[in-house]
Amino acid sequence: MSVIRQTISRSLRSSLAKRSPSVITSVRFNTTNTTAAAAPTESSSPSSPVDPKITQIVDQISTLTLLETSQLVNELKSKLNISDIALPVAGAGGAGGAAAQAAPAEEEEAKQPVEEKTMFAIKLESFDAKSKPKVIKEVKGLLGLSLVESKKFVESAPKVLKENVAKEDAEKIKATLEGLGAKVVLE
C-alpha cells in the first residue's frame, strides 16, 4: 500500500510542481494503519489543535482522484488569481549574481542535445461560436464531466483540458477538437 502512496505522491508532486512549485509543498495521505497513524508528524504539534473544519476539508481532498485533484488545483488557481509562473528562488548573490549564474546555464543548455518532448498539456484556447455545442459534447466525453460542467469549462477558455498526455494521444485529441472548430494548443 505504501508503494502506491509513494507513486501517487511522486506523480502529484512532479505534475503540480511543473505548473507552480511554490503552491504545492507536501502531499498527505490518510491511513488506516494504526502504527503509522500513531507516529507523530512534523506538521502536527500538540500545542495547536487542528480546526475540525480543516480536518474535514483534508479528509474530503484525500479521497479525490488525480483528475479531480488537478481540477481542484486549477479551480483554486482561477478563483484565487494564482498565476502559473514559477517564482524565482532568492539566492545569496542577489540579482547580479543570479544574472551571472544564468548566462553559463544557458550556454550549458545550448551545448546539450535537445530532447524531444513526449508528454504534453492540451489547452483549449478558443472555439468557433457555431461549433460550441460540438466542442462541449467532445469535452464532456473527454473529461467525463456533466453537460453543465462541460459548458462552463468550454466557456472559460483558454483552459487546460488534460495534462501529461502522450504525444500521439495529444495529437489525436487536438485533431478531433480542431476538426470541430476549436483552437487547441499543445504545451
N, C-alpha and C. Protein backbone atom coordinates (compact mmCIF):
# COMPACT_ATOMS: atom_id res chain seq x y z
N MET A 1 0.82 -1.19 0.00
CA MET A 1 0.00 0.00 0.00
C MET A 1 0.87 1.26 0.00
N SER A 2 2.00 1.22 0.72
CA SER A 2 2.85 2.41 0.78
C SER A 2 3.51 2.68 -0.57
N VAL A 3 3.75 1.65 -1.36
CA VAL A 3 4.34 1.84 -2.70
C VAL A 3 3.37 2.63 -3.57
N ILE A 4 2.09 2.33 -3.46
CA ILE A 4 1.09 3.06 -4.23
C ILE A 4 1.07 4.53 -3.79
N ARG A 5 1.11 4.75 -2.50
CA ARG A 5 1.11 6.13 -1.99
C ARG A 5 2.34 6.89 -2.46
N GLN A 6 3.49 6.23 -2.43
CA GLN A 6 4.71 6.89 -2.87
C GLN A 6 4.63 7.24 -4.35
N THR A 7 4.10 6.33 -5.14
CA THR A 7 3.97 6.57 -6.58
C THR A 7 3.03 7.73 -6.84
N ILE A 8 1.88 7.72 -6.18
CA ILE A 8 0.91 8.80 -6.35
C ILE A 8 1.51 10.12 -5.87
N SER A 9 2.18 10.07 -4.74
CA SER A 9 2.79 11.27 -4.19
C SER A 9 3.81 11.86 -5.15
N ARG A 10 4.69 11.01 -5.71
CA ARG A 10 5.68 11.50 -6.67
C ARG A 10 5.00 12.07 -7.91
N SER A 11 3.98 11.37 -8.37
CA SER A 11 3.26 11.81 -9.56
C SER A 11 2.60 13.16 -9.33
N LEU A 12 1.95 13.32 -8.19
CA LEU A 12 1.30 14.60 -7.88
C LEU A 12 2.32 15.71 -7.77
N ARG A 13 3.39 15.43 -7.05
CA ARG A 13 4.40 16.47 -6.86
C ARG A 13 5.01 16.91 -8.19
N SER A 14 5.35 15.93 -9.04
CA SER A 14 6.00 16.28 -10.29
C SER A 14 5.06 17.01 -11.24
N SER A 15 3.81 16.56 -11.34
CA SER A 15 2.89 17.21 -12.28
C SER A 15 2.47 18.57 -11.79
N LEU A 16 2.28 18.72 -10.50
CA LEU A 16 1.85 20.02 -9.99
C LEU A 16 3.02 20.97 -9.79
N ALA A 17 4.20 20.44 -9.50
CA ALA A 17 5.35 21.31 -9.31
C ALA A 17 5.78 21.96 -10.62
N LYS A 18 5.50 21.30 -11.75
CA LYS A 18 5.84 21.89 -13.05
C LYS A 18 5.03 23.15 -13.29
N ARG A 19 3.82 23.18 -12.79
CA ARG A 19 2.94 24.33 -13.04
C ARG A 19 3.20 25.44 -12.04
N SER A 20 3.32 25.13 -10.76
CA SER A 20 3.59 26.16 -9.76
C SER A 20 4.22 25.52 -8.54
N PRO A 21 5.55 25.42 -8.52
CA PRO A 21 6.23 24.74 -7.43
C PRO A 21 6.06 25.42 -6.09
N SER A 22 5.73 26.69 -6.04
CA SER A 22 5.58 27.36 -4.76
C SER A 22 4.26 27.06 -4.09
N VAL A 23 3.28 26.50 -4.81
CA VAL A 23 1.97 26.25 -4.23
C VAL A 23 1.93 24.92 -3.50
N ILE A 24 2.42 23.87 -4.10
CA ILE A 24 2.35 22.54 -3.52
C ILE A 24 3.63 22.28 -2.75
N THR A 25 3.52 22.07 -1.46
CA THR A 25 4.70 21.80 -0.66
C THR A 25 4.73 20.38 -0.14
N SER A 26 3.57 19.76 0.05
CA SER A 26 3.55 18.39 0.53
C SER A 26 2.24 17.73 0.17
N VAL A 27 2.24 16.42 0.22
CA VAL A 27 1.04 15.64 -0.04
C VAL A 27 0.82 14.76 1.17
N ARG A 28 -0.40 14.72 1.70
CA ARG A 28 -0.70 13.95 2.88
C ARG A 28 -1.74 12.90 2.54
N PHE A 29 -1.53 11.68 3.02
CA PHE A 29 -2.48 10.61 2.82
C PHE A 29 -3.01 10.16 4.17
N ASN A 30 -4.30 9.90 4.25
CA ASN A 30 -4.87 9.31 5.45
C ASN A 30 -4.56 7.83 5.43
N THR A 31 -4.44 7.27 6.60
CA THR A 31 -4.11 5.86 6.68
C THR A 31 -5.01 5.16 7.68
N THR A 32 -5.22 3.88 7.47
CA THR A 32 -5.97 3.09 8.44
C THR A 32 -5.02 2.28 9.29
N ASN A 33 -3.75 2.33 8.98
CA ASN A 33 -2.74 1.62 9.75
C ASN A 33 -2.55 2.34 11.07
N THR A 34 -2.80 1.67 12.19
CA THR A 34 -2.75 2.33 13.49
C THR A 34 -1.34 2.68 13.90
N THR A 35 -0.33 1.92 13.46
CA THR A 35 1.04 2.25 13.85
C THR A 35 1.51 3.50 13.12
N ALA A 36 1.13 3.66 11.86
CA ALA A 36 1.52 4.86 11.12
C ALA A 36 0.73 6.06 11.61
N ALA A 37 -0.52 5.86 11.98
CA ALA A 37 -1.35 6.96 12.45
C ALA A 37 -0.88 7.45 13.80
N ALA A 38 -0.31 6.55 14.61
CA ALA A 38 0.12 6.94 15.95
C ALA A 38 1.45 7.67 15.93
N ALA A 39 2.22 7.53 14.85
CA ALA A 39 3.52 8.18 14.77
C ALA A 39 3.35 9.68 14.62
N PRO A 40 4.10 10.47 15.39
CA PRO A 40 3.97 11.93 15.28
C PRO A 40 4.54 12.42 13.97
N THR A 41 3.94 13.46 13.43
CA THR A 41 4.42 14.05 12.19
C THR A 41 5.02 15.41 12.49
N GLU A 42 5.78 15.91 11.51
CA GLU A 42 6.42 17.21 11.68
C GLU A 42 5.40 18.33 11.73
N SER A 43 4.30 18.20 10.96
CA SER A 43 3.35 19.28 10.87
C SER A 43 2.41 19.33 12.06
N SER A 44 2.24 18.21 12.78
CA SER A 44 1.33 18.23 13.92
C SER A 44 2.08 18.66 15.15
N SER A 45 1.45 19.50 15.90
CA SER A 45 2.06 20.00 17.11
C SER A 45 1.04 19.86 18.23
N PRO A 46 1.44 19.33 19.39
CA PRO A 46 0.48 19.10 20.45
C PRO A 46 -0.12 20.38 21.01
N SER A 47 0.56 21.51 20.85
CA SER A 47 0.07 22.76 21.43
C SER A 47 -1.00 23.44 20.57
N SER A 48 -1.09 23.13 19.27
CA SER A 48 -2.07 23.77 18.42
C SER A 48 -2.97 22.74 17.76
N PRO A 49 -4.19 22.54 18.27
CA PRO A 49 -5.11 21.57 17.66
C PRO A 49 -5.59 22.07 16.30
N VAL A 50 -5.88 21.13 15.43
CA VAL A 50 -6.34 21.47 14.08
C VAL A 50 -7.84 21.70 14.13
N ASP A 51 -8.26 22.75 13.44
CA ASP A 51 -9.67 23.09 13.36
C ASP A 51 -10.45 21.95 12.70
N PRO A 52 -11.58 21.52 13.26
CA PRO A 52 -12.35 20.42 12.66
C PRO A 52 -12.76 20.71 11.22
N LYS A 53 -12.99 21.97 10.90
CA LYS A 53 -13.35 22.35 9.54
C LYS A 53 -12.21 22.01 8.57
N ILE A 54 -10.98 22.29 8.98
CA ILE A 54 -9.80 22.00 8.17
C ILE A 54 -9.64 20.48 8.04
N THR A 55 -9.82 19.76 9.13
CA THR A 55 -9.71 18.31 9.09
C THR A 55 -10.72 17.71 8.12
N GLN A 56 -11.93 18.23 8.12
CA GLN A 56 -12.97 17.74 7.22
C GLN A 56 -12.57 17.99 5.76
N ILE A 57 -12.05 19.18 5.47
CA ILE A 57 -11.63 19.51 4.10
C ILE A 57 -10.49 18.59 3.67
N VAL A 58 -9.53 18.36 4.55
CA VAL A 58 -8.40 17.48 4.23
C VAL A 58 -8.90 16.06 3.96
N ASP A 59 -9.83 15.59 4.76
CA ASP A 59 -10.39 14.25 4.54
C ASP A 59 -11.09 14.15 3.19
N GLN A 60 -11.82 15.20 2.82
CA GLN A 60 -12.51 15.19 1.53
C GLN A 60 -11.52 15.23 0.38
N ILE A 61 -10.49 16.04 0.49
CA ILE A 61 -9.48 16.16 -0.57
C ILE A 61 -8.71 14.85 -0.73
N SER A 62 -8.46 14.17 0.38
CA SER A 62 -7.68 12.93 0.31
C SER A 62 -8.41 11.81 -0.43
N THR A 63 -9.72 11.94 -0.63
CA THR A 63 -10.47 10.91 -1.35
C THR A 63 -10.57 11.20 -2.84
N LEU A 64 -10.06 12.34 -3.30
CA LEU A 64 -10.15 12.71 -4.71
C LEU A 64 -9.22 11.88 -5.58
N THR A 65 -9.61 11.69 -6.83
CA THR A 65 -8.74 11.04 -7.80
C THR A 65 -7.74 12.06 -8.33
N LEU A 66 -6.77 11.61 -9.11
CA LEU A 66 -5.78 12.54 -9.66
C LEU A 66 -6.42 13.58 -10.57
N LEU A 67 -7.38 13.16 -11.38
CA LEU A 67 -8.05 14.09 -12.28
C LEU A 67 -8.84 15.12 -11.48
N GLU A 68 -9.54 14.66 -10.44
CA GLU A 68 -10.30 15.59 -9.60
C GLU A 68 -9.38 16.54 -8.86
N THR A 69 -8.22 16.03 -8.41
CA THR A 69 -7.26 16.88 -7.71
C THR A 69 -6.72 17.95 -8.66
N SER A 70 -6.43 17.57 -9.90
CA SER A 70 -5.96 18.52 -10.89
C SER A 70 -7.01 19.60 -11.15
N GLN A 71 -8.26 19.19 -11.26
CA GLN A 71 -9.35 20.15 -11.47
C GLN A 71 -9.50 21.07 -10.27
N LEU A 72 -9.32 20.52 -9.05
CA LEU A 72 -9.40 21.33 -7.84
C LEU A 72 -8.31 22.39 -7.83
N VAL A 73 -7.09 21.98 -8.16
CA VAL A 73 -5.96 22.92 -8.19
C VAL A 73 -6.21 24.02 -9.22
N ASN A 74 -6.69 23.63 -10.40
CA ASN A 74 -6.97 24.63 -11.45
C ASN A 74 -8.06 25.60 -11.00
N GLU A 75 -9.09 25.08 -10.36
CA GLU A 75 -10.19 25.93 -9.89
C GLU A 75 -9.71 26.88 -8.79
N LEU A 76 -8.88 26.39 -7.87
CA LEU A 76 -8.33 27.26 -6.83
C LEU A 76 -7.44 28.34 -7.43
N LYS A 77 -6.65 27.97 -8.42
CA LYS A 77 -5.80 28.97 -9.08
C LYS A 77 -6.63 30.06 -9.72
N SER A 78 -7.70 29.68 -10.40
CA SER A 78 -8.52 30.70 -11.07
C SER A 78 -9.29 31.54 -10.06
N LYS A 79 -9.79 30.92 -9.02
CA LYS A 79 -10.57 31.66 -8.02
C LYS A 79 -9.69 32.60 -7.19
N LEU A 80 -8.46 32.17 -6.89
CA LEU A 80 -7.56 32.96 -6.06
C LEU A 80 -6.57 33.79 -6.89
N ASN A 81 -6.73 33.76 -8.22
CA ASN A 81 -5.86 34.51 -9.13
C ASN A 81 -4.38 34.18 -8.93
N ILE A 82 -4.07 32.90 -8.89
CA ILE A 82 -2.69 32.45 -8.76
C ILE A 82 -2.18 32.15 -10.15
N SER A 83 -1.06 32.76 -10.52
CA SER A 83 -0.54 32.57 -11.87
C SER A 83 0.26 31.27 -11.95
N ASP A 84 0.48 30.80 -13.18
CA ASP A 84 1.23 29.57 -13.41
C ASP A 84 2.72 29.82 -13.48
N ILE A 85 3.15 31.05 -13.32
CA ILE A 85 4.56 31.39 -13.44
C ILE A 85 5.27 31.00 -12.15
N ALA A 86 6.35 30.26 -12.28
CA ALA A 86 7.13 29.86 -11.11
C ALA A 86 7.94 31.06 -10.62
N LEU A 87 7.92 31.27 -9.32
CA LEU A 87 8.66 32.37 -8.75
C LEU A 87 10.12 31.99 -8.61
N PRO A 88 11.04 32.92 -8.93
CA PRO A 88 12.46 32.60 -8.79
C PRO A 88 12.84 32.47 -7.32
N VAL A 89 13.76 31.58 -7.04
CA VAL A 89 14.23 31.39 -5.69
C VAL A 89 15.33 32.40 -5.43
N ALA A 90 15.25 33.11 -4.31
CA ALA A 90 16.24 34.13 -3.98
C ALA A 90 17.56 33.47 -3.63
N GLY A 91 18.63 33.94 -4.23
CA GLY A 91 19.96 33.38 -3.97
C GLY A 91 20.77 34.33 -3.11
N ALA A 92 21.90 33.87 -2.62
CA ALA A 92 22.75 34.69 -1.78
C ALA A 92 23.44 35.78 -2.58
N GLY A 93 23.59 35.58 -3.89
CA GLY A 93 24.32 36.54 -4.73
C GLY A 93 23.50 37.75 -5.12
N GLY A 94 22.21 37.78 -4.87
CA GLY A 94 21.38 38.91 -5.27
C GLY A 94 21.06 38.85 -6.75
N ALA A 95 20.55 39.95 -7.30
CA ALA A 95 20.12 39.98 -8.70
C ALA A 95 21.32 39.87 -9.65
N GLY A 96 22.41 40.53 -9.32
CA GLY A 96 23.60 40.46 -10.18
C GLY A 96 24.16 39.05 -10.23
N GLY A 97 24.19 38.38 -9.09
CA GLY A 97 24.70 37.01 -9.02
C GLY A 97 23.82 36.06 -9.80
N ALA A 98 22.51 36.29 -9.75
CA ALA A 98 21.57 35.42 -10.47
C ALA A 98 21.76 35.58 -11.97
N ALA A 99 21.98 36.81 -12.42
CA ALA A 99 22.18 37.04 -13.84
C ALA A 99 23.50 36.42 -14.31
N ALA A 100 24.51 36.51 -13.46
CA ALA A 100 25.81 35.94 -13.80
C ALA A 100 25.72 34.41 -13.85
N GLN A 101 24.90 33.83 -13.00
CA GLN A 101 24.75 32.37 -12.99
C GLN A 101 23.88 31.91 -14.15
N ALA A 102 22.94 32.73 -14.61
CA ALA A 102 22.02 32.35 -15.67
C ALA A 102 22.74 32.22 -17.02
N ALA A 103 23.72 33.07 -17.29
CA ALA A 103 24.41 33.03 -18.57
C ALA A 103 25.15 31.70 -18.80
N PRO A 104 25.95 31.21 -17.83
CA PRO A 104 26.59 29.91 -18.05
C PRO A 104 25.57 28.77 -18.16
N ALA A 105 24.48 28.87 -17.44
CA ALA A 105 23.45 27.83 -17.50
C ALA A 105 22.84 27.78 -18.90
N GLU A 106 22.60 28.95 -19.50
CA GLU A 106 22.04 28.99 -20.85
C GLU A 106 23.02 28.41 -21.87
N GLU A 107 24.30 28.72 -21.70
CA GLU A 107 25.31 28.17 -22.60
C GLU A 107 25.38 26.65 -22.47
N GLU A 108 25.25 26.16 -21.23
CA GLU A 108 25.29 24.72 -20.98
C GLU A 108 24.10 24.04 -21.66
N GLU A 109 22.92 24.66 -21.57
CA GLU A 109 21.73 24.10 -22.21
C GLU A 109 21.87 24.08 -23.73
N ALA A 110 22.52 25.10 -24.29
CA ALA A 110 22.69 25.18 -25.74
C ALA A 110 23.61 24.07 -26.24
N LYS A 111 24.57 23.64 -25.43
CA LYS A 111 25.50 22.60 -25.84
C LYS A 111 24.86 21.21 -25.81
N GLN A 112 23.90 21.01 -24.89
CA GLN A 112 23.27 19.70 -24.77
C GLN A 112 22.30 19.47 -25.91
N PRO A 113 22.16 18.21 -26.36
CA PRO A 113 21.21 17.93 -27.44
C PRO A 113 19.78 18.16 -26.93
N VAL A 114 18.94 18.68 -27.81
CA VAL A 114 17.57 18.98 -27.45
C VAL A 114 16.78 17.68 -27.41
N GLU A 115 16.13 17.43 -26.27
CA GLU A 115 15.31 16.23 -26.15
C GLU A 115 13.91 16.53 -26.67
N GLU A 116 13.36 15.57 -27.39
CA GLU A 116 12.02 15.75 -27.92
C GLU A 116 11.01 15.56 -26.79
N LYS A 117 10.07 16.44 -26.72
CA LYS A 117 9.06 16.40 -25.68
C LYS A 117 8.09 15.25 -25.97
N THR A 118 7.81 14.45 -24.95
CA THR A 118 6.92 13.30 -25.15
C THR A 118 5.59 13.45 -24.41
N MET A 119 5.54 14.29 -23.39
CA MET A 119 4.30 14.49 -22.62
C MET A 119 3.84 15.94 -22.82
N PHE A 120 2.55 16.11 -23.05
CA PHE A 120 2.02 17.42 -23.36
C PHE A 120 0.81 17.75 -22.48
N ALA A 121 0.56 19.04 -22.36
CA ALA A 121 -0.68 19.53 -21.77
C ALA A 121 -1.53 20.04 -22.95
N ILE A 122 -2.79 19.66 -22.96
CA ILE A 122 -3.69 20.06 -24.04
C ILE A 122 -4.50 21.25 -23.54
N LYS A 123 -4.36 22.37 -24.23
CA LYS A 123 -5.03 23.60 -23.79
C LYS A 123 -6.04 24.06 -24.85
N LEU A 124 -7.27 24.24 -24.42
CA LEU A 124 -8.32 24.77 -25.29
C LEU A 124 -8.19 26.28 -25.28
N GLU A 125 -7.77 26.86 -26.39
CA GLU A 125 -7.56 28.30 -26.49
C GLU A 125 -8.87 29.04 -26.76
N SER A 126 -9.59 28.60 -27.78
CA SER A 126 -10.84 29.25 -28.17
C SER A 126 -11.63 28.28 -29.04
N PHE A 127 -12.81 28.73 -29.48
CA PHE A 127 -13.64 27.88 -30.33
C PHE A 127 -14.54 28.77 -31.17
N ASP A 128 -15.00 28.23 -32.27
CA ASP A 128 -15.92 28.92 -33.15
C ASP A 128 -17.31 28.88 -32.51
N ALA A 129 -18.00 30.01 -32.49
CA ALA A 129 -19.31 30.09 -31.85
C ALA A 129 -20.30 29.10 -32.44
N LYS A 130 -20.21 28.84 -33.73
CA LYS A 130 -21.13 27.91 -34.39
C LYS A 130 -20.90 26.47 -33.93
N SER A 131 -19.66 26.15 -33.58
CA SER A 131 -19.34 24.77 -33.21
C SER A 131 -19.32 24.55 -31.70
N LYS A 132 -19.78 25.51 -30.93
CA LYS A 132 -19.75 25.42 -29.47
C LYS A 132 -20.43 24.15 -28.94
N PRO A 133 -21.63 23.78 -29.40
CA PRO A 133 -22.26 22.55 -28.87
C PRO A 133 -21.43 21.29 -29.14
N LYS A 134 -20.80 21.23 -30.30
CA LYS A 134 -19.97 20.06 -30.64
C LYS A 134 -18.74 19.99 -29.74
N VAL A 135 -18.13 21.16 -29.49
CA VAL A 135 -16.95 21.21 -28.63
C VAL A 135 -17.33 20.81 -27.21
N ILE A 136 -18.46 21.31 -26.73
CA ILE A 136 -18.92 20.97 -25.38
C ILE A 136 -19.14 19.47 -25.27
N LYS A 137 -19.75 18.89 -26.27
CA LYS A 137 -20.03 17.46 -26.27
C LYS A 137 -18.72 16.65 -26.25
N GLU A 138 -17.75 17.07 -27.04
CA GLU A 138 -16.47 16.37 -27.08
C GLU A 138 -15.73 16.51 -25.74
N VAL A 139 -15.75 17.70 -25.14
CA VAL A 139 -15.09 17.92 -23.84
C VAL A 139 -15.78 17.07 -22.77
N LYS A 140 -17.09 16.97 -22.85
CA LYS A 140 -17.86 16.16 -21.91
C LYS A 140 -17.39 14.71 -21.96
N GLY A 141 -17.26 14.17 -23.16
CA GLY A 141 -16.80 12.80 -23.31
C GLY A 141 -15.34 12.62 -22.93
N LEU A 142 -14.54 13.63 -23.21
CA LEU A 142 -13.11 13.56 -22.96
C LEU A 142 -12.78 13.59 -21.47
N LEU A 143 -13.46 14.46 -20.73
CA LEU A 143 -13.15 14.64 -19.31
C LEU A 143 -14.12 13.92 -18.39
N GLY A 144 -15.22 13.41 -18.93
CA GLY A 144 -16.19 12.71 -18.08
C GLY A 144 -16.98 13.66 -17.19
N LEU A 145 -17.19 14.88 -17.65
CA LEU A 145 -17.94 15.87 -16.89
C LEU A 145 -19.41 15.83 -17.26
N SER A 146 -20.24 16.48 -16.43
CA SER A 146 -21.64 16.61 -16.79
C SER A 146 -21.75 17.66 -17.89
N LEU A 147 -22.93 17.76 -18.49
CA LEU A 147 -23.13 18.72 -19.58
C LEU A 147 -22.94 20.15 -19.09
N VAL A 148 -23.45 20.45 -17.90
CA VAL A 148 -23.32 21.81 -17.34
C VAL A 148 -21.85 22.13 -17.05
N GLU A 149 -21.14 21.16 -16.44
CA GLU A 149 -19.72 21.38 -16.14
C GLU A 149 -18.92 21.55 -17.43
N SER A 150 -19.25 20.77 -18.45
CA SER A 150 -18.55 20.88 -19.73
C SER A 150 -18.79 22.23 -20.37
N LYS A 151 -20.01 22.72 -20.29
CA LYS A 151 -20.35 24.03 -20.86
C LYS A 151 -19.55 25.13 -20.15
N LYS A 152 -19.50 25.08 -18.82
CA LYS A 152 -18.74 26.08 -18.05
C LYS A 152 -17.25 25.99 -18.38
N PHE A 153 -16.77 24.76 -18.52
CA PHE A 153 -15.35 24.55 -18.84
C PHE A 153 -15.01 25.17 -20.19
N VAL A 154 -15.81 24.89 -21.20
CA VAL A 154 -15.55 25.40 -22.55
C VAL A 154 -15.67 26.92 -22.58
N GLU A 155 -16.66 27.46 -21.89
CA GLU A 155 -16.86 28.91 -21.88
C GLU A 155 -15.75 29.65 -21.15
N SER A 156 -15.02 28.95 -20.28
CA SER A 156 -13.93 29.60 -19.54
C SER A 156 -12.60 29.50 -20.27
N ALA A 157 -12.63 29.13 -21.56
CA ALA A 157 -11.40 29.02 -22.36
C ALA A 157 -10.70 30.37 -22.39
N PRO A 158 -9.41 30.42 -22.41
CA PRO A 158 -8.43 29.35 -22.54
C PRO A 158 -8.26 28.60 -21.22
N LYS A 159 -8.22 27.28 -21.33
CA LYS A 159 -8.11 26.42 -20.15
C LYS A 159 -7.49 25.09 -20.55
N VAL A 160 -6.71 24.51 -19.63
CA VAL A 160 -6.03 23.24 -19.89
C VAL A 160 -7.05 22.10 -19.77
N LEU A 161 -7.16 21.32 -20.84
CA LEU A 161 -8.06 20.16 -20.84
C LEU A 161 -7.45 19.00 -20.07
N LYS A 162 -6.26 18.61 -20.48
CA LYS A 162 -5.57 17.47 -19.87
C LYS A 162 -4.10 17.78 -19.78
N GLU A 163 -3.44 17.16 -18.78
CA GLU A 163 -2.01 17.31 -18.62
C GLU A 163 -1.34 15.95 -18.69
N ASN A 164 -0.06 15.95 -18.99
CA ASN A 164 0.75 14.73 -19.06
C ASN A 164 0.12 13.69 -19.98
N VAL A 165 -0.16 14.12 -21.20
CA VAL A 165 -0.73 13.23 -22.21
C VAL A 165 0.36 12.86 -23.21
N ALA A 166 0.41 11.60 -23.58
CA ALA A 166 1.40 11.13 -24.56
C ALA A 166 1.22 11.88 -25.88
N LYS A 167 2.30 12.01 -26.62
CA LYS A 167 2.32 12.81 -27.85
C LYS A 167 1.25 12.35 -28.84
N GLU A 168 1.16 11.03 -29.07
CA GLU A 168 0.20 10.51 -30.05
C GLU A 168 -1.24 10.82 -29.64
N ASP A 169 -1.54 10.58 -28.35
CA ASP A 169 -2.89 10.85 -27.85
C ASP A 169 -3.21 12.34 -27.91
N ALA A 170 -2.23 13.16 -27.55
CA ALA A 170 -2.44 14.61 -27.57
C ALA A 170 -2.73 15.10 -28.99
N GLU A 171 -2.01 14.57 -29.97
CA GLU A 171 -2.24 14.98 -31.35
C GLU A 171 -3.60 14.52 -31.86
N LYS A 172 -4.05 13.33 -31.43
CA LYS A 172 -5.38 12.84 -31.82
C LYS A 172 -6.47 13.74 -31.24
N ILE A 173 -6.34 14.08 -29.96
CA ILE A 173 -7.33 14.94 -29.31
C ILE A 173 -7.34 16.31 -29.97
N LYS A 174 -6.15 16.84 -30.25
CA LYS A 174 -6.05 18.15 -30.89
C LYS A 174 -6.72 18.13 -32.26
N ALA A 175 -6.45 17.08 -33.05
CA ALA A 175 -7.04 16.98 -34.38
C ALA A 175 -8.57 16.88 -34.30
N THR A 176 -9.06 16.12 -33.34
CA THR A 176 -10.51 15.97 -33.18
C THR A 176 -11.16 17.31 -32.84
N LEU A 177 -10.59 18.01 -31.86
CA LEU A 177 -11.18 19.28 -31.44
C LEU A 177 -11.05 20.35 -32.53
N GLU A 178 -9.93 20.37 -33.22
CA GLU A 178 -9.77 21.34 -34.30
C GLU A 178 -10.72 21.04 -35.45
N GLY A 179 -11.02 19.77 -35.67
CA GLY A 179 -11.99 19.38 -36.67
C GLY A 179 -13.39 19.87 -36.33
N LEU A 180 -13.64 20.07 -35.04
CA LEU A 180 -14.95 20.57 -34.60
C LEU A 180 -15.01 22.10 -34.58
N GLY A 181 -13.88 22.75 -34.78
CA GLY A 181 -13.86 24.21 -34.82
C GLY A 181 -13.25 24.86 -33.61
N ALA A 182 -12.48 24.11 -32.82
CA ALA A 182 -11.83 24.67 -31.65
C ALA A 182 -10.35 24.94 -31.97
N LYS A 183 -9.77 25.90 -31.27
CA LYS A 183 -8.34 26.16 -31.39
C LYS A 183 -7.67 25.54 -30.17
N VAL A 184 -6.78 24.58 -30.42
CA VAL A 184 -6.14 23.82 -29.36
C VAL A 184 -4.63 23.96 -29.48
N VAL A 185 -3.96 24.09 -28.33
CA VAL A 185 -2.51 24.23 -28.30
C VAL A 185 -1.95 23.12 -27.43
N LEU A 186 -0.85 22.51 -27.90
CA LEU A 186 -0.13 21.53 -27.08
C LEU A 186 1.04 22.23 -26.42
N GLU A 187 1.12 22.12 -25.12
CA GLU A 187 2.20 22.78 -24.38
C GLU A 187 3.11 21.76 -23.76
